């Protein structure tokens, strides 16, 4: 009887020593999600100057010999590209308060996960909206602007939901450390995004950045 109790106790201690708390796993996934989110935000920042036609904008002419896979330029101006950058952050700003209410009413993990999945899918559709949709009446521009707006709405759900994850899953004594770990991914994203994005644009073409980021995220 004593031997059985000792065996059970040893097995329990072995399992306990190999056990990883769910809150730690969730913190790692949340941090990685924020990292991918900010990586995707760098995609358009890298490619927007590469798709401009120098004859229709005042931007610096890019040496295409340095980017052998660069495709044909678009007849968008730098001002119009500025609007595409702004409309993302418009959606990003507008959704914060509604997302906070949804996090309070629903699951914080679901509000974090599902919009990110939509964001990843839309990121892979960006090259199609830019190049495959006819440019008549600038239809491709307006479709791209709509995609950017939806991306901003999806990205804006990440902050309120990440706060909800910290509040629901982290004990009060660990929230500072866990929050710092989670938001480290937010600041690591631009470093990773600009490095890998520039490398990918040089050797595989600038539109491939969207596919690499989207598929790698999913």
Protein backbone atom coordinates (compact mmCIF):
# COMPACT_ATOMS: atom_id res chain seq x y z
CA UNK A 1 0.00 0.00 0.00
CA UNK A 2 2.80 2.36 0.93
CA UNK A 3 4.62 1.48 -2.29
CA UNK A 4 1.53 2.30 -4.35
CA UNK A 5 1.18 5.65 -2.62
CA UNK A 6 4.85 6.42 -3.24
CA UNK A 7 4.48 5.49 -6.91
CA UNK A 8 1.39 7.68 -7.31
CA UNK A 9 3.12 10.57 -5.56
CA UNK A 10 6.18 10.26 -7.78
CA UNK A 11 4.02 10.16 -10.88
CA UNK A 12 2.13 13.23 -9.71
CA UNK A 13 5.35 15.13 -9.05
CA UNK A 14 6.68 14.12 -12.47
CA UNK A 15 3.54 15.37 -14.19
CA UNK A 16 3.60 18.57 -12.14
CA UNK A 17 7.23 19.25 -13.04
CA UNK A 18 6.44 18.89 -16.77
CA UNK A 19 3.24 20.94 -16.58
CA UNK A 20 3.16 24.27 -18.41
CA UNK A 21 0.50 26.67 -17.08
CA UNK A 22 -2.20 27.57 -19.59
CA UNK A 23 -1.77 31.25 -18.85
CA UNK A 24 1.87 31.02 -19.97
CA UNK A 25 0.89 29.30 -23.23
CA UNK A 26 -1.79 31.94 -23.81
CA UNK A 27 0.70 34.73 -23.09
CA UNK A 28 3.15 33.30 -25.64
CA UNK A 29 0.43 33.00 -28.30
CA UNK A 30 -0.86 36.51 -27.58
CA UNK A 31 2.63 37.97 -27.82
CA UNK A 32 3.21 36.13 -31.09
CA UNK A 33 -0.13 37.38 -32.40
CA UNK A 34 0.83 40.99 -31.68
CA UNK A 35 4.20 40.40 -33.32
CA UNK A 36 2.55 39.12 -36.51
CA UNK A 37 0.07 41.98 -36.40
CA UNK A 38 2.82 44.60 -36.44
CA UNK A 39 4.77 42.62 -39.07
CA UNK A 40 1.73 42.86 -41.34
CA UNK A 41 1.49 46.59 -40.69
CA UNK A 42 4.97 46.99 -42.15
CA UNK A 43 4.02 45.23 -45.40
CA UNK A 44 2.28 48.18 -46.98
CA UNK A 45 4.89 50.60 -45.66
CA UNK A 46 7.57 48.65 -47.54
CA UNK A 47 5.68 48.23 -50.81
CA UNK A 48 3.89 51.57 -51.15
CA UNK A 49 6.91 53.39 -52.58
CA UNK A 50 7.74 50.47 -54.89
CA UNK A 51 4.40 50.47 -56.70
CA UNK A 52 4.34 54.15 -57.61
CA UNK A 53 4.89 55.33 -61.15
CA UNK A 54 7.50 58.12 -60.91
CA UNK A 55 5.72 60.01 -63.72
CA UNK A 56 2.58 60.33 -61.59
CA UNK A 57 4.15 61.25 -58.28
CA UNK A 58 6.93 63.31 -56.76
CA UNK A 59 8.57 60.35 -55.04
CA UNK A 60 12.19 59.44 -55.49
CA UNK A 61 12.72 57.19 -58.49
CA UNK A 62 13.65 53.66 -57.44
CA UNK A 63 16.37 51.78 -59.24
CA UNK A 64 14.57 48.68 -60.51
CA UNK A 65 17.90 46.94 -61.09
CA UNK A 66 18.19 46.65 -57.33
CA UNK A 67 14.77 44.94 -57.20
CA UNK A 68 14.70 42.60 -60.20
CA UNK A 69 11.25 41.22 -59.37
CA UNK A 70 9.52 44.61 -59.19
CA UNK A 71 6.34 44.59 -61.26
CA UNK A 72 4.79 47.39 -63.28
CA UNK A 73 4.12 50.68 -61.53
CA UNK A 74 0.68 52.02 -60.67
CA UNK A 75 -0.71 55.40 -61.59
CA UNK A 76 -1.38 56.34 -57.97
CA UNK A 77 0.05 59.48 -56.46
CA UNK A 78 1.92 59.69 -53.19
CA UNK A 79 -1.07 61.59 -51.74
CA UNK A 80 -3.39 58.72 -52.60
CA UNK A 81 -1.00 56.27 -50.97
CA UNK A 82 -1.06 58.50 -47.92
CA UNK A 83 -4.83 58.09 -47.81
CA UNK A 84 -4.40 54.31 -47.95
CA UNK A 85 -2.05 54.50 -44.98
CA UNK A 86 -4.43 56.76 -43.07
CA UNK A 87 -7.58 54.74 -43.66
CA UNK A 88 -6.01 51.73 -41.95
CA UNK A 89 -5.45 53.74 -38.77
CA UNK A 90 -8.91 55.27 -39.05
CA UNK A 91 -10.42 51.82 -38.70
CA UNK A 92 -7.84 51.02 -36.05
CA UNK A 93 -8.96 54.02 -34.00
CA UNK A 94 -12.72 53.67 -34.44
CA UNK A 95 -12.94 50.03 -33.30
CA UNK A 96 -11.14 50.33 -29.96
CA UNK A 97 -14.13 51.31 -27.79
CA UNK A 98 -16.64 48.91 -29.45
CA UNK A 99 -14.06 46.10 -29.18
CA UNK A 100 -13.68 46.88 -25.49
CA UNK A 101 -17.42 46.37 -24.98
CA UNK A 102 -17.28 43.11 -26.94
CA UNK A 103 -14.40 41.86 -24.81
CA UNK A 104 -16.49 42.62 -21.72
CA UNK A 105 -19.53 40.79 -23.08
CA UNK A 106 -17.83 37.94 -24.96
CA UNK A 107 -14.56 36.01 -24.76
CA UNK A 108 -11.37 38.08 -24.95
CA UNK A 109 -9.52 35.24 -26.67
CA UNK A 110 -12.15 35.03 -29.43
CA UNK A 111 -12.13 38.79 -29.99
CA UNK A 112 -8.35 38.55 -30.28
CA UNK A 113 -8.21 35.48 -32.53
CA UNK A 114 -10.98 35.84 -35.11
CA UNK A 115 -10.20 39.39 -36.28
CA UNK A 116 -6.53 38.40 -36.61
CA UNK A 117 -7.48 35.49 -38.87
CA UNK A 118 -9.51 37.86 -41.06
CA UNK A 119 -6.56 40.27 -41.10
CA UNK A 120 -4.20 37.52 -42.25
CA UNK A 121 -6.54 36.46 -45.06
CA UNK A 122 -7.07 40.04 -46.24
CA UNK A 123 -3.30 40.56 -46.24
CA UNK A 124 -2.91 37.77 -48.78
CA UNK A 125 -5.64 39.36 -50.91
CA UNK A 126 -3.92 42.75 -51.03
CA UNK A 127 -1.80 42.01 -54.14
CA UNK A 128 -4.96 40.86 -55.95
CA UNK A 129 -6.86 44.02 -55.08
CA UNK A 130 -3.94 46.14 -56.27
CA UNK A 131 -3.05 44.35 -59.51
CA UNK A 132 -5.93 42.11 -60.63
CA UNK A 133 -8.88 44.46 -60.25
CA UNK A 134 -9.31 46.81 -63.24
CA UNK A 135 -7.93 50.29 -62.81
CA UNK A 136 -10.89 51.84 -64.66
CA UNK A 137 -12.27 54.69 -62.56
CA UNK A 138 -9.56 53.69 -60.07
CA UNK A 139 -11.65 50.73 -59.00
CA UNK A 140 -8.55 48.88 -57.76
CA UNK A 141 -7.65 51.88 -55.60
CA UNK A 142 -11.06 52.03 -53.90
CA UNK A 143 -11.18 48.26 -53.35
CA UNK A 144 -7.70 48.42 -51.83
CA UNK A 145 -8.85 51.27 -49.58
CA UNK A 146 -11.80 49.18 -48.44
CA UNK A 147 -9.52 46.23 -47.69
CA UNK A 148 -7.20 48.51 -45.73
CA UNK A 149 -10.14 49.83 -43.70
CA UNK A 150 -11.29 46.32 -42.78
CA UNK A 151 -7.70 45.44 -41.89
CA UNK A 152 -7.58 48.42 -39.54
CA UNK A 153 -10.84 47.38 -37.90
CA UNK A 154 -9.48 43.87 -37.35
CA UNK A 155 -6.13 45.09 -36.06
CA UNK A 156 -7.82 47.48 -33.64
CA UNK A 157 -9.43 44.58 -31.79
CA UNK A 158 -6.04 43.29 -30.65
CA UNK A 159 -5.36 45.87 -27.94
CA UNK A 160 -8.65 45.71 -26.03
CA UNK A 161 -8.71 41.92 -26.23
CA UNK A 162 -5.09 41.59 -25.08
CA UNK A 163 -5.94 43.67 -22.02
CA UNK A 164 -8.89 41.36 -21.42
CA UNK A 165 -6.64 38.32 -21.70
CA UNK A 166 -4.26 39.76 -19.11
CA UNK A 167 -7.12 40.63 -16.76
CA UNK A 168 -8.82 37.24 -17.08
CA UNK A 169 -5.84 34.90 -17.15
CA UNK A 170 -3.06 36.50 -15.13
CA UNK A 171 -3.03 36.64 -11.32
CA UNK A 172 -2.66 40.21 -9.98
CA UNK A 173 0.91 39.53 -8.86
CA UNK A 174 1.96 38.43 -12.38
CA UNK A 175 0.15 40.99 -14.52
CA UNK A 176 3.10 43.35 -14.76
CA UNK A 177 5.53 40.67 -15.92
CA UNK A 178 2.98 38.97 -18.14
CA UNK A 179 1.91 42.24 -19.71
CA UNK A 180 5.51 43.19 -20.42
CA UNK A 181 6.10 39.81 -22.05
CA UNK A 182 2.96 40.04 -24.18
CA UNK A 183 3.62 43.57 -25.41
CA UNK A 184 7.24 42.76 -26.21
CA UNK A 185 5.88 41.13 -29.37
CA UNK A 186 4.30 44.44 -30.32
CA UNK A 187 7.66 46.20 -30.44
CA UNK A 188 9.56 43.28 -31.93
CA UNK A 189 7.18 43.21 -34.91
CA UNK A 190 8.55 46.24 -36.80
CA UNK A 191 12.12 44.99 -36.35
CA UNK A 192 11.24 41.58 -37.78
CA UNK A 193 8.85 42.98 -40.39
CA UNK A 194 11.14 45.51 -41.99
CA UNK A 195 14.11 43.13 -42.01
CA UNK A 196 12.29 40.15 -43.51
CA UNK A 197 10.13 42.35 -45.72
CA UNK A 198 13.09 44.07 -47.33
CA UNK A 199 14.86 40.76 -47.82
CA UNK A 200 11.74 39.19 -49.37
CA UNK A 201 11.12 42.19 -51.64
CA UNK A 202 14.65 42.03 -53.01
CA UNK A 203 14.72 38.32 -53.83
CA UNK A 204 11.08 37.33 -54.38
CA UNK A 205 9.25 40.51 -55.36
CA UNK A 206 7.50 43.07 -53.21
CA UNK A 207 4.03 41.53 -53.51
CA UNK A 208 5.38 38.28 -52.10
CA UNK A 209 5.70 40.06 -48.74
CA UNK A 210 1.93 39.84 -48.34
CA UNK A 211 1.84 36.13 -49.11
CA UNK A 212 4.76 35.28 -46.83
CA UNK A 213 3.31 37.25 -43.92
CA UNK A 214 -0.22 35.92 -44.42
CA UNK A 215 0.66 32.26 -44.82
CA UNK A 216 3.26 32.39 -42.07
CA UNK A 217 0.70 33.90 -39.73
CA UNK A 218 -1.99 31.33 -40.39
